[in-house]
Amino acid sequence: MSPDEGASRPARRVTRAATSRRAAKRVGGTELISQLNTLVAELIKENRKLKREVDRLTARGSAAASSAVERSLRTIQRRVQRALITPPQRKRAAATTGRGKAATRKRRKP
């Protein structure tokens, strides 16, 4: 076998069985309980922090949504007030020719 052939092969994986195993140290009853208590306390603390963050983000999101709702309500209110105060004026649609000038209509004689 030449050195070139060996380079084309993928490297062998080291399996878990090939590595030396060490037995994990078992924790006693009181030590285990104290570790679990500290882990639970950390989880409770993190949970409280996350709840506060969710409340803060929810409040911020609803404030942005409420400002958009207020803006649209003001727009609707303004339109209604304009409609009530002034009579609607009809806009005349000017007929245009190809050159862009307004075409005049001839009156028919009765």
PDB file of N, CA and C in Angstrom:
ATOM      1  N   MET A   1       0.859  -1.159   0.000  1.00  0.00           N
ATOM      2  CA  MET A   1       0.000   0.000   0.000  1.00  0.00           C
ATOM      3  C   MET A   1       0.910   1.228   0.000  1.00  0.00           C
ATOM      4  N   SER A   2       0.619   2.180  -0.890  1.00  0.00           N
ATOM      5  CA  SER A   2       1.442   3.376  -1.001  1.00  0.00           C
ATOM      6  C   SER A   2       0.946   4.454  -0.044  1.00  0.00           C
ATOM      7  N   PRO A   3       1.758   5.446   0.235  1.00  0.00           N
ATOM      8  CA  PRO A   3       1.327   6.509   1.142  1.00  0.00           C
ATOM      9  C   PRO A   3       0.160   7.315   0.574  1.00  0.00           C
ATOM     10  N   ASP A   4       0.015   7.374  -0.741  1.00  0.00           N
ATOM     11  CA  ASP A   4      -1.093   8.100  -1.356  1.00  0.00           C
ATOM     12  C   ASP A   4      -2.423   7.442  -1.040  1.00  0.00           C
ATOM     13  N   GLU A   5      -2.441   6.110  -1.024  1.00  0.00           N
ATOM     14  CA  GLU A   5      -3.688   5.404  -0.745  1.00  0.00           C
ATOM     15  C   GLU A   5      -4.155   5.649   0.684  1.00  0.00           C
ATOM     16  N   GLY A   6      -3.243   5.708   1.600  1.00  0.00           N
ATOM     17  CA  GLY A   6      -3.583   5.944   2.999  1.00  0.00           C
ATOM     18  C   GLY A   6      -4.144   7.337   3.210  1.00  0.00           C
ATOM     19  N   ALA A   7      -3.696   8.311   2.420  1.00  0.00           N
ATOM     20  CA  ALA A   7      -4.170   9.684   2.565  1.00  0.00           C
ATOM     21  C   ALA A   7      -5.602   9.834   2.069  1.00  0.00           C
ATOM     22  N   SER A   8      -6.018   8.987   1.126  1.00  0.00           N
ATOM     23  CA  SER A   8      -7.365   9.118   0.593  1.00  0.00           C
ATOM     24  C   SER A   8      -8.417   8.506   1.514  1.00  0.00           C
ATOM     25  N   ARG A   9      -8.000   7.679   2.431  1.00  0.00           N
ATOM     26  CA  ARG A   9      -8.945   7.070   3.376  1.00  0.00           C
ATOM     27  C   ARG A   9      -9.351   8.067   4.449  1.00  0.00           C
ATOM     28  N   PRO A  10     -10.599   8.005   4.867  1.00  0.00           N
ATOM     29  CA  PRO A  10     -10.987   8.884   5.979  1.00  0.00           C
ATOM     30  C   PRO A  10     -10.334   8.420   7.277  1.00  0.00           C
ATOM     31  N   ALA A  11     -10.145   9.346   8.177  1.00  0.00           N
ATOM     32  CA  ALA A  11      -9.522   9.014   9.460  1.00  0.00           C
ATOM     33  C   ALA A  11     -10.453   8.120  10.258  1.00  0.00           C
ATOM     34  N   ARG A  12      -9.891   7.210  11.019  1.00  0.00           N
ATOM     35  CA  ARG A  12     -10.704   6.317  11.839  1.00  0.00           C
ATOM     36  C   ARG A  12     -11.295   7.092  12.987  1.00  0.00           C
ATOM     37  N   ARG A  13     -12.532   6.817  13.261  1.00  0.00           N
ATOM     38  CA  ARG A  13     -13.183   7.440  14.403  1.00  0.00           C
ATOM     39  C   ARG A  13     -12.808   6.712  15.674  1.00  0.00           C
ATOM     40  N   VAL A  14     -12.628   7.470  16.695  1.00  0.00           N
ATOM     41  CA  VAL A  14     -12.354   6.872  17.995  1.00  0.00           C
ATOM     42  C   VAL A  14     -13.705   6.630  18.648  1.00  0.00           C
ATOM     43  N   THR A  15     -13.996   5.396  18.903  1.00  0.00           N
ATOM     44  CA  THR A  15     -15.280   5.080  19.516  1.00  0.00           C
ATOM     45  C   THR A  15     -15.166   5.174  21.016  1.00  0.00           C
ATOM     46  N   ARG A  16     -16.299   5.177  21.647  1.00  0.00           N
ATOM     47  CA  ARG A  16     -16.331   5.312  23.097  1.00  0.00           C
ATOM     48  C   ARG A  16     -15.689   4.101  23.781  1.00  0.00           C
ATOM     49  N   ALA A  17     -15.836   2.948  23.149  1.00  0.00           N
ATOM     50  CA  ALA A  17     -15.279   1.736  23.732  1.00  0.00           C
ATOM     51  C   ALA A  17     -13.750   1.772  23.700  1.00  0.00           C
ATOM     52  N   ALA A  18     -13.193   2.486  22.724  1.00  0.00           N
ATOM     53  CA  ALA A  18     -11.742   2.547  22.597  1.00  0.00           C
ATOM     54  C   ALA A  18     -11.139   3.464  23.648  1.00  0.00           C
ATOM     55  N   THR A  19     -11.884   4.428  24.127  1.00  0.00           N
ATOM     56  CA  THR A  19     -11.352   5.338  25.137  1.00  0.00           C
ATOM     57  C   THR A  19     -11.435   4.679  26.497  1.00  0.00           C
ATOM     58  N   SER A  20     -10.603   5.135  27.382  1.00  0.00           N
ATOM     59  CA  SER A  20     -10.638   4.550  28.724  1.00  0.00           C
ATOM     60  C   SER A  20     -11.839   5.106  29.481  1.00  0.00           C
ATOM     61  N   ARG A  21     -12.528   4.256  30.179  1.00  0.00           N
ATOM     62  CA  ARG A  21     -13.712   4.672  30.936  1.00  0.00           C
ATOM     63  C   ARG A  21     -13.333   4.849  32.394  1.00  0.00           C
ATOM     64  N   ARG A  22     -13.898   5.871  32.968  1.00  0.00           N
ATOM     65  CA  ARG A  22     -13.755   6.054  34.403  1.00  0.00           C
ATOM     66  C   ARG A  22     -15.135   6.002  35.012  1.00  0.00           C
ATOM     67  N   ALA A  23     -15.217   5.360  36.098  1.00  0.00           N
ATOM     68  CA  ALA A  23     -16.511   5.278  36.765  1.00  0.00           C
ATOM     69  C   ALA A  23     -16.845   6.644  37.349  1.00  0.00           C
ATOM     70  N   ALA A  24     -18.073   7.133  37.099  1.00  0.00           N
ATOM     71  CA  ALA A  24     -18.496   8.418  37.626  1.00  0.00           C
ATOM     72  C   ALA A  24     -18.649   8.308  39.133  1.00  0.00           C
ATOM     73  N   LYS A  25     -18.197   9.345  39.809  1.00  0.00           N
ATOM     74  CA  LYS A  25     -18.292   9.334  41.263  1.00  0.00           C
ATOM     75  C   LYS A  25     -19.740   9.551  41.660  1.00  0.00           C
ATOM     76  N   ARG A  26     -20.256   8.663  42.460  1.00  0.00           N
ATOM     77  CA  ARG A  26     -21.637   8.787  42.911  1.00  0.00           C
ATOM     78  C   ARG A  26     -21.702   9.727  44.093  1.00  0.00           C
ATOM     79  N   VAL A  27     -22.757  10.521  44.087  1.00  0.00           N
ATOM     80  CA  VAL A  27     -22.931  11.515  45.134  1.00  0.00           C
ATOM     81  C   VAL A  27     -23.826  10.922  46.202  1.00  0.00           C
ATOM     82  N   GLY A  28     -23.494  11.226  47.453  1.00  0.00           N
ATOM     83  CA  GLY A  28     -24.284  10.714  48.566  1.00  0.00           C
ATOM     84  C   GLY A  28     -25.632  11.405  48.674  1.00  0.00           C
ATOM     85  N   GLY A  29     -26.497  10.927  49.566  1.00  0.00           N
ATOM     86  CA  GLY A  29     -27.861  11.416  49.696  1.00  0.00           C
ATOM     87  C   GLY A  29     -27.977  12.886  50.045  1.00  0.00           C
ATOM     88  N   THR A  30     -27.289  13.323  51.094  1.00  0.00           N
ATOM     89  CA  THR A  30     -27.413  14.724  51.518  1.00  0.00           C
ATOM     90  C   THR A  30     -26.765  15.665  50.512  1.00  0.00           C
ATOM     91  N   GLU A  31     -25.640  15.226  49.940  1.00  0.00           N
ATOM     92  CA  GLU A  31     -24.965  16.055  48.930  1.00  0.00           C
ATOM     93  C   GLU A  31     -25.823  16.164  47.671  1.00  0.00           C
ATOM     94  N   LEU A  32     -26.447  15.073  47.279  1.00  0.00           N
ATOM     95  CA  LEU A  32     -27.324  15.065  46.113  1.00  0.00           C
ATOM     96  C   LEU A  32     -28.504  16.007  46.327  1.00  0.00           C
ATOM     97  N   ILE A  33     -29.089  15.961  47.505  1.00  0.00           N
ATOM     98  CA  ILE A  33     -30.232  16.831  47.810  1.00  0.00           C
ATOM     99  C   ILE A  33     -29.816  18.290  47.774  1.00  0.00           C
ATOM    100  N   SER A  34     -28.650  18.617  48.284  1.00  0.00           N
ATOM    101  CA  SER A  34     -28.206  20.019  48.275  1.00  0.00           C
ATOM    102  C   SER A  34     -27.936  20.491  46.849  1.00  0.00           C
ATOM    103  N   GLN A  35     -27.364  19.610  46.011  1.00  0.00           N
ATOM    104  CA  GLN A  35     -27.150  19.968  44.605  1.00  0.00           C
ATOM    105  C   GLN A  35     -28.477  20.210  43.895  1.00  0.00           C
ATOM    106  N   LEU A  36     -29.418  19.322  44.140  1.00  0.00           N
ATOM    107  CA  LEU A  36     -30.734  19.474  43.512  1.00  0.00           C
ATOM    108  C   LEU A  36     -31.426  20.749  43.988  1.00  0.00           C
ATOM    109  N   ASN A  37     -31.305  21.076  45.269  1.00  0.00           N
ATOM    110  CA  ASN A  37     -31.909  22.303  45.792  1.00  0.00           C
ATOM    111  C   ASN A  37     -31.320  23.544  45.129  1.00  0.00           C
ATOM    112  N   THR A  38     -29.997  23.550  44.943  1.00  0.00           N
ATOM    113  CA  THR A  38     -29.377  24.708  44.283  1.00  0.00           C
ATOM    114  C   THR A  38     -29.827  24.805  42.829  1.00  0.00           C
ATOM    115  N   LEU A  39     -29.917  23.663  42.146  1.00  0.00           N
ATOM    116  CA  LEU A  39     -30.385  23.677  40.753  1.00  0.00           C
ATOM    117  C   LEU A  39     -31.825  24.176  40.659  1.00  0.00           C
ATOM    118  N   VAL A  40     -32.673  23.726  41.560  1.00  0.00           N
ATOM    119  CA  VAL A  40     -34.071  24.162  41.565  1.00  0.00           C
ATOM    120  C   VAL A  40     -34.158  25.657  41.856  1.00  0.00           C
ATOM    121  N   ALA A  41     -33.340  26.141  42.787  1.00  0.00           N
ATOM    122  CA  ALA A  41     -33.342  27.572  43.112  1.00  0.00           C
ATOM    123  C   ALA A  41     -32.911  28.404  41.900  1.00  0.00           C
ATOM    124  N   GLU A  42     -31.895  27.931  41.167  1.00  0.00           N
ATOM    125  CA  GLU A  42     -31.453  28.631  39.962  1.00  0.00           C
ATOM    126  C   GLU A  42     -32.554  28.643  38.902  1.00  0.00           C
ATOM    127  N   LEU A  43     -33.233  27.522  38.736  1.00  0.00           N
ATOM    128  CA  LEU A  43     -34.315  27.452  37.753  1.00  0.00           C
ATOM    129  C   LEU A  43     -35.461  28.395  38.120  1.00  0.00           C
ATOM    130  N   ILE A  44     -35.793  28.463  39.392  1.00  0.00           N
ATOM    131  CA  ILE A  44     -36.863  29.360  39.835  1.00  0.00           C
ATOM    132  C   ILE A  44     -36.471  30.811  39.573  1.00  0.00           C
ATOM    133  N   LYS A  45     -35.219  31.150  39.864  1.00  0.00           N
ATOM    134  CA  LYS A  45     -34.738  32.510  39.639  1.00  0.00           C
ATOM    135  C   LYS A  45     -34.796  32.872  38.147  1.00  0.00           C
ATOM    136  N   GLU A  46     -34.348  31.943  37.305  1.00  0.00           N
ATOM    137  CA  GLU A  46     -34.367  32.183  35.868  1.00  0.00           C
ATOM    138  C   GLU A  46     -35.806  32.296  35.356  1.00  0.00           C
ATOM    139  N   ASN A  47     -36.698  31.486  35.894  1.00  0.00           N
ATOM    140  CA  ASN A  47     -38.103  31.527  35.495  1.00  0.00           C
ATOM    141  C   ASN A  47     -38.716  32.888  35.823  1.00  0.00           C
ATOM    142  N   ARG A  48     -38.428  33.406  37.017  1.00  0.00           N
ATOM    143  CA  ARG A  48     -38.939  34.728  37.404  1.00  0.00           C
ATOM    144  C   ARG A  48     -38.419  35.805  36.469  1.00  0.00           C
ATOM    145  N   LYS A  49     -37.117  35.710  36.142  1.00  0.00           N
ATOM    146  CA  LYS A  49     -36.503  36.695  35.251  1.00  0.00           C
ATOM    147  C   LYS A  49     -37.167  36.658  33.875  1.00  0.00           C
ATOM    148  N   LEU A  50     -37.391  35.464  33.363  1.00  0.00           N
ATOM    149  CA  LEU A  50     -38.016  35.318  32.046  1.00  0.00           C
ATOM    150  C   LEU A  50     -39.459  35.819  32.057  1.00  0.00           C
ATOM    151  N   LYS A  51     -40.188  35.571  33.142  1.00  0.00           N
ATOM    152  CA  LYS A  51     -41.563  36.065  33.242  1.00  0.00           C
ATOM    153  C   LYS A  51     -41.597  37.588  33.215  1.00  0.00           C
ATOM    154  N   ARG A  52     -40.658  38.221  33.947  1.00  0.00           N
ATOM    155  CA  ARG A  52     -40.594  39.691  33.935  1.00  0.00           C
ATOM    156  C   ARG A  52     -40.300  40.209  32.537  1.00  0.00           C
ATOM    157  N   GLU A  53     -39.395  39.535  31.833  1.00  0.00           N
ATOM    158  CA  GLU A  53     -39.048  39.949  30.479  1.00  0.00           C
ATOM    159  C   GLU A  53     -40.237  39.797  29.534  1.00  0.00           C
ATOM    160  N   VAL A  54     -40.977  38.701  29.669  1.00  0.00           N
ATOM    161  CA  VAL A  54     -42.166  38.497  28.839  1.00  0.00           C
ATOM    162  C   VAL A  54     -43.196  39.590  29.108  1.00  0.00           C
ATOM    163  N   ASP A  55     -43.411  39.920  30.378  1.00  0.00           N
ATOM    164  CA  ASP A  55     -44.358  40.986  30.718  1.00  0.00           C
ATOM    165  C   ASP A  55     -43.920  42.313  30.125  1.00  0.00           C
ATOM    166  N   ARG A  56     -42.623  42.608  30.222  1.00  0.00           N
ATOM    167  CA  ARG A  56     -42.113  43.875  29.693  1.00  0.00           C
ATOM    168  C   ARG A  56     -42.284  43.935  28.178  1.00  0.00           C
ATOM    169  N   LEU A  57     -41.942  42.856  27.468  1.00  0.00           N
ATOM    170  CA  LEU A  57     -42.069  42.846  26.015  1.00  0.00           C
ATOM    171  C   LEU A  57     -43.528  42.890  25.579  1.00  0.00           C
ATOM    172  N   THR A  58     -44.401  42.233  26.332  1.00  0.00           N
ATOM    173  CA  THR A  58     -45.824  42.267  26.011  1.00  0.00           C
ATOM    174  C   THR A  58     -46.373  43.676  26.162  1.00  0.00           C
ATOM    175  N   ALA A  59     -45.976  44.357  27.228  1.00  0.00           N
ATOM    176  CA  ALA A  59     -46.432  45.729  27.448  1.00  0.00           C
ATOM    177  C   ALA A  59     -45.929  46.642  26.339  1.00  0.00           C
ATOM    178  N   ARG A  60     -44.685  46.462  25.927  1.00  0.00           N
ATOM    179  CA  ARG A  60     -44.125  47.291  24.864  1.00  0.00           C
ATOM    180  C   ARG A  60     -44.867  47.049  23.550  1.00  0.00           C
ATOM    181  N   GLY A  61     -45.166  45.782  23.253  1.00  0.00           N
ATOM    182  CA  GLY A  61     -45.869  45.453  22.020  1.00  0.00           C
ATOM    183  C   GLY A  61     -47.281  46.006  22.005  1.00  0.00           C
ATOM    184  N   SER A  62     -47.975  45.908  23.135  1.00  0.00           N
ATOM    185  CA  SER A  62     -49.342  46.423  23.183  1.00  0.00           C
ATOM    186  C   SER A  62     -49.353  47.939  23.129  1.00  0.00           C
ATOM    187  N   ALA A  63     -48.306  48.603  23.646  1.00  0.00           N
ATOM    188  CA  ALA A  63     -48.229  50.066  23.564  1.00  0.00           C
ATOM    189  C   ALA A  63     -48.068  50.497  22.112  1.00  0.00           C
ATOM    190  N   ALA A  64     -47.259  49.779  21.352  1.00  0.00           N
ATOM    191  CA  ALA A  64     -47.078  50.109  19.942  1.00  0.00           C
ATOM    192  C   ALA A  64     -48.368  49.877  19.172  1.00  0.00           C
ATOM    193  N   ALA A  65     -49.050  48.787  19.493  1.00  0.00           N
ATOM    194  CA  ALA A  65     -50.311  48.493  18.809  1.00  0.00           C
ATOM    195  C   ALA A  65     -51.370  49.519  19.173  1.00  0.00           C
ATOM    196  N   SER A  66     -51.405  49.949  20.442  1.00  0.00           N
ATOM    197  CA  SER A  66     -52.419  50.904  20.855  1.00  0.00           C
ATOM    198  C   SER A  66     -52.171  52.265  20.212  1.00  0.00           C
ATOM    199  N   SER A  67     -50.907  52.632  19.988  1.00  0.00           N
ATOM    200  CA  SER A  67     -50.649  53.913  19.319  1.00  0.00           C
ATOM    201  C   SER A  67     -51.113  53.864  17.873  1.00  0.00           C
ATOM    202  N   ALA A  68     -50.964  52.732  17.209  1.00  0.00           N
ATOM    203  CA  ALA A  68     -51.439  52.599  15.834  1.00  0.00           C
ATOM    204  C   ALA A  68     -52.962  52.662  15.795  1.00  0.00           C
ATOM    205  N   VAL A  69     -53.616  52.053  16.769  1.00  0.00           N
ATOM    206  CA  VAL A  69     -55.076  52.085  16.840  1.00  0.00           C
ATOM    207  C   VAL A  69     -55.546  53.515  17.097  1.00  0.00           C
ATOM    208  N   GLU A  70     -54.866  54.223  17.997  1.00  0.00           N
ATOM    209  CA  GLU A  70     -55.236  55.617  18.269  1.00  0.00           C
ATOM    210  C   GLU A  70     -55.114  56.472  17.017  1.00  0.00           C
ATOM    211  N   ARG A  71     -54.036  56.290  16.274  1.00  0.00           N
ATOM    212  CA  ARG A  71     -53.816  57.062  15.060  1.00  0.00           C
ATOM    213  C   ARG A  71     -54.937  56.816  14.051  1.00  0.00           C
ATOM    214  N   SER A  72     -55.307  55.560  13.862  1.00  0.00           N
ATOM    215  CA  SER A  72     -56.364  55.263  12.891  1.00  0.00           C
ATOM    216  C   SER A  72     -57.717  55.790  13.368  1.00  0.00           C
ATOM    217  N   LEU A  73     -57.970  55.742  14.689  1.00  0.00           N
ATOM    218  CA  LEU A  73     -59.230  56.297  15.206  1.00  0.00           C
ATOM    219  C   LEU A  73     -59.287  57.805  15.013  1.00  0.00           C
ATOM    220  N   ARG A  74     -58.143  58.486  15.229  1.00  0.00           N
ATOM    221  CA  ARG A  74     -58.122  59.932  14.993  1.00  0.00           C
ATOM    222  C   ARG A  74     -58.396  60.259  13.534  1.00  0.00           C
ATOM    223  N   THR A  75     -57.845  59.457  12.629  1.00  0.00           N
ATOM    224  CA  THR A  75     -58.077  59.675  11.203  1.00  0.00           C
ATOM    225  C   THR A  75     -59.548  59.505  10.868  1.00  0.00           C
ATOM    226  N   ILE A  76     -60.162  58.462  11.392  1.00  0.00           N
ATOM    227  CA  ILE A  76     -61.593  58.226  11.144  1.00  0.00           C
ATOM    228  C   ILE A  76     -62.417  59.358  11.730  1.00  0.00           C
ATOM    229  N   GLN A  77     -62.071  59.804  12.922  1.00  0.00           N
ATOM    230  CA  GLN A  77     -62.810  60.898  13.565  1.00  0.00           C
ATOM    231  C   GLN A  77     -62.703  62.166  12.725  1.00  0.00           C
ATOM    232  N   ARG A  78     -61.508  62.465  12.218  1.00  0.00           N
ATOM    233  CA  ARG A  78     -61.322  63.650  11.387  1.00  0.00           C
ATOM    234  C   ARG A  78     -62.166  63.563  10.123  1.00  0.00           C
ATOM    235  N   ARG A  79     -62.212  62.419   9.495  1.00  0.00           N
ATOM    236  CA  ARG A  79     -63.008  62.247   8.270  1.00  0.00           C
ATOM    237  C   ARG A  79     -64.493  62.434   8.555  1.00  0.00           C
ATOM    238  N   VAL A  80     -64.962  61.890   9.662  1.00  0.00           N
ATOM    239  CA  VAL A  80     -66.384  62.028  10.016  1.00  0.00           C
ATOM    240  C   VAL A  80     -66.714  63.488  10.284  1.00  0.00           C
ATOM    241  N   GLN A  81     -65.860  64.194  10.996  1.00  0.00           N
ATOM    242  CA  GLN A  81     -66.108  65.607  11.271  1.00  0.00           C
ATOM    243  C   GLN A  81     -66.140  66.416   9.992  1.00  0.00           C
ATOM    244  N   ARG A  82     -65.234  66.163   9.082  1.00  0.00           N
ATOM    245  CA  ARG A  82     -65.251  66.871   7.791  1.00  0.00           C
ATOM    246  C   ARG A  82     -66.541  66.590   7.034  1.00  0.00           C
ATOM    247  N   ALA A  83     -66.976  65.337   7.072  1.00  0.00           N
ATOM    248  CA  ALA A  83     -68.195  64.973   6.338  1.00  0.00           C
ATOM    249  C   ALA A  83     -69.413  65.668   6.951  1.00  0.00           C
ATOM    250  N   LEU A  84     -69.430  65.847   8.268  1.00  0.00           N
ATOM    251  CA  LEU A  84     -70.570  66.483   8.917  1.00  0.00           C
ATOM    252  C   LEU A  84     -70.555  68.003   8.758  1.00  0.00           C
ATOM    253  N   ILE A  85     -69.405  68.609   8.751  1.00  0.00           N
ATOM    254  CA  ILE A  85     -69.311  70.072   8.701  1.00  0.00           C
ATOM    255  C   ILE A  85     -69.559  70.597   7.292  1.00  0.00           C
ATOM    256  N   THR A  86     -68.864  70.127   6.318  1.00  0.00           N
ATOM    257  CA  THR A  86     -68.990  70.654   4.955  1.00  0.00           C
ATOM    258  C   THR A  86     -69.737  69.660   4.088  1.00  0.00           C
ATOM    259  N   PRO A  87     -70.587  70.193   3.214  1.00  0.00           N
ATOM    260  CA  PRO A  87     -71.264  69.286   2.286  1.00  0.00           C
ATOM    261  C   PRO A  87     -70.246  68.735   1.289  1.00  0.00           C
ATOM    262  N   PRO A  88     -70.445  67.534   0.855  1.00  0.00           N
ATOM    263  CA  PRO A  88     -69.478  66.948  -0.073  1.00  0.00           C
ATOM    264  C   PRO A  88     -69.474  67.704  -1.397  1.00  0.00           C
ATOM    265  N   GLN A  89     -68.303  68.062  -1.857  1.00  0.00           N
ATOM    266  CA  GLN A  89     -68.178  68.763  -3.129  1.00  0.00           C
ATOM    267  C   GLN A  89     -67.858  67.728  -4.190  1.00  0.00           C
ATOM    268  N   ARG A  90     -68.581  67.849  -5.274  1.00  0.00           N
ATOM    269  CA  ARG A  90     -68.357  66.891  -6.355  1.00  0.00           C
ATOM    270  C   ARG A  90     -67.189  67.358  -7.196  1.00  0.00           C
ATOM    271  N   LYS A  91     -66.331  66.448  -7.469  1.00  0.00           N
ATOM    272  CA  LYS A  91     -65.191  66.773  -8.321  1.00  0.00           C
ATOM    273  C   LYS A  91     -65.548  66.412  -9.755  1.00  0.00           C
ATOM    274  N   ARG A  92     -65.239  67.332 -10.648  1.00  0.00           N
ATOM    275  CA  ARG A  92     -65.520  67.071 -12.061  1.00  0.00           C
ATOM    276  C   ARG A  92     -64.342  66.336 -12.669  1.00  0.00           C
ATOM    277  N   ALA A  93     -64.658  65.289 -13.362  1.00  0.00           N
ATOM    278  CA  ALA A  93     -63.613  64.558 -14.062  1.00  0.00           C
ATOM    279  C   ALA A  93     -63.437  65.203 -15.419  1.00  0.00           C
ATOM    280  N   ALA A  94     -62.288  65.771 -15.645  1.00  0.00           N
ATOM    281  CA  ALA A  94     -62.031  66.452 -16.906  1.00  0.00           C
ATOM    282  C   ALA A  94     -61.609  65.416 -17.935  1.00  0.00           C
ATOM    283  N   ALA A  95     -62.309  65.428 -19.076  1.00  0.00           N
ATOM    284  CA  ALA A  95     -61.951  64.521 -20.155  1.00  0.00           C
ATOM    285  C   ALA A  95     -60.761  65.123 -20.879  1.00  0.00           C
ATOM    286  N   THR A  96     -59.771  64.329 -21.149  1.00  0.00           N
ATOM    287  CA  THR A  96     -58.568  64.847 -21.791  1.00  0.00           C
ATOM    288  C   THR A  96     -58.401  64.231 -23.160  1.00  0.00           C
ATOM    289  N   THR A  97     -57.785  64.990 -24.045  1.00  0.00           N
ATOM    290  CA  THR A  97     -57.462  64.457 -25.366  1.00  0.00           C
ATOM    291  C   THR A  97     -56.064  63.891 -25.306  1.00  0.00           C
ATOM    292  N   GLY A  98     -55.590  63.435 -26.421  1.00  0.00           N
ATOM    293  CA  GLY A  98     -54.267  62.842 -26.462  1.00  0.00           C
ATOM    294  C   GLY A  98     -53.164  63.821 -26.104  1.00  0.00           C
ATOM    295  N   ARG A  99     -53.381  65.143 -26.315  1.00  0.00           N
ATOM    296  CA  ARG A  99     -52.334  66.126 -26.028  1.00  0.00           C
ATOM    297  C   ARG A  99     -52.311  66.576 -24.577  1.00  0.00           C
ATOM    298  N   GLY A 100     -53.266  66.183 -23.802  1.00  0.00           N
ATOM    299  CA  GLY A 100     -53.279  66.556 -22.407  1.00  0.00           C
ATOM    300  C   GLY A 100     -54.143  67.768 -22.116  1.00  0.00           C
ATOM    301  N   LYS A 101     -54.786  68.350 -23.129  1.00  0.00           N
ATOM    302  CA  LYS A 101     -55.671  69.486 -22.891  1.00  0.00           C
ATOM    303  C   LYS A 101     -57.053  68.982 -22.528  1.00  0.00           C
ATOM    304  N   ALA A 102     -57.760  69.752 -21.730  1.00  0.00           N
ATOM    305  CA  ALA A 102     -59.116  69.374 -21.348  1.00  0.00           C
ATOM    306  C   ALA A 102     -60.045  69.621 -22.535  1.00  0.00           C
ATOM    307  N   ALA A 103     -60.864  68.663 -22.845  1.00  0.00           N
ATOM    308  CA  ALA A 103     -61.807  68.797 -23.947  1.00  0.00           C
ATOM    309  C   ALA A 103     -63.054  69.515 -23.458  1.00  0.00           C
ATOM    310  N   THR A 104     -63.582  70.402 -24.287  1.00  0.00           N
ATOM    311  CA  THR A 104     -64.812  71.104 -23.930  1.00  0.00           C
ATOM    312  C   THR A 104     -65.977  70.385 -24.584  1.00  0.00           C
ATOM    313  N   ARG A 105     -67.088  70.355 -23.851  1.00  0.00           N
ATOM    314  CA  ARG A 105     -68.276  69.689 -24.388  1.00  0.00           C
ATOM    315  C   ARG A 105     -69.210  70.734 -24.976  1.00  0.00           C
ATOM    316  N   LYS A 106     -69.800  70.373 -26.045  1.00  0.00           N
ATOM    317  CA  LYS A 106     -70.773  71.262 -26.672  1.00  0.00           C
ATOM    318  C   LYS A 106     -72.134  70.964 -26.106  1.00  0.00           C
ATOM    319  N   ARG A 107     -72.883  72.064 -25.895  1.00  0.00           N
ATOM    320  CA  ARG A 107     -74.241  71.889 -25.401  1.00  0.00           C
ATOM    321  C   ARG A 107     -75.165  71.571 -26.556  1.00  0.00           C
ATOM    322  N   ARG A 108     -76.092  70.707 -26.244  1.00  0.00           N
ATOM    323  CA  ARG A 108     -77.103  70.410 -27.263  1.00  0.00           C
ATOM    324  C   ARG A 108     -78.228  71.394 -27.153  1.00  0.00           C
ATOM    325  N   LYS A 109     -78.734  71.771 -28.284  1.00  0.00           N
ATOM    326  CA  LYS A 109     -79.885  72.663 -28.276  1.00  0.00           C
ATOM    327  C   LYS A 109     -81.140  71.839 -28.066  1.00  0.00           C
ATOM    328  N   PRO A 110     -82.013  72.332 -27.219  1.00  0.00           N
ATOM    329  CA  PRO A 110     -83.226  71.553 -26.969  1.00  0.00           C
ATOM    330  C   PRO A 110     -84.220  71.537 -28.085  1.00  0.00           C
TER     331      PRO A 110
END
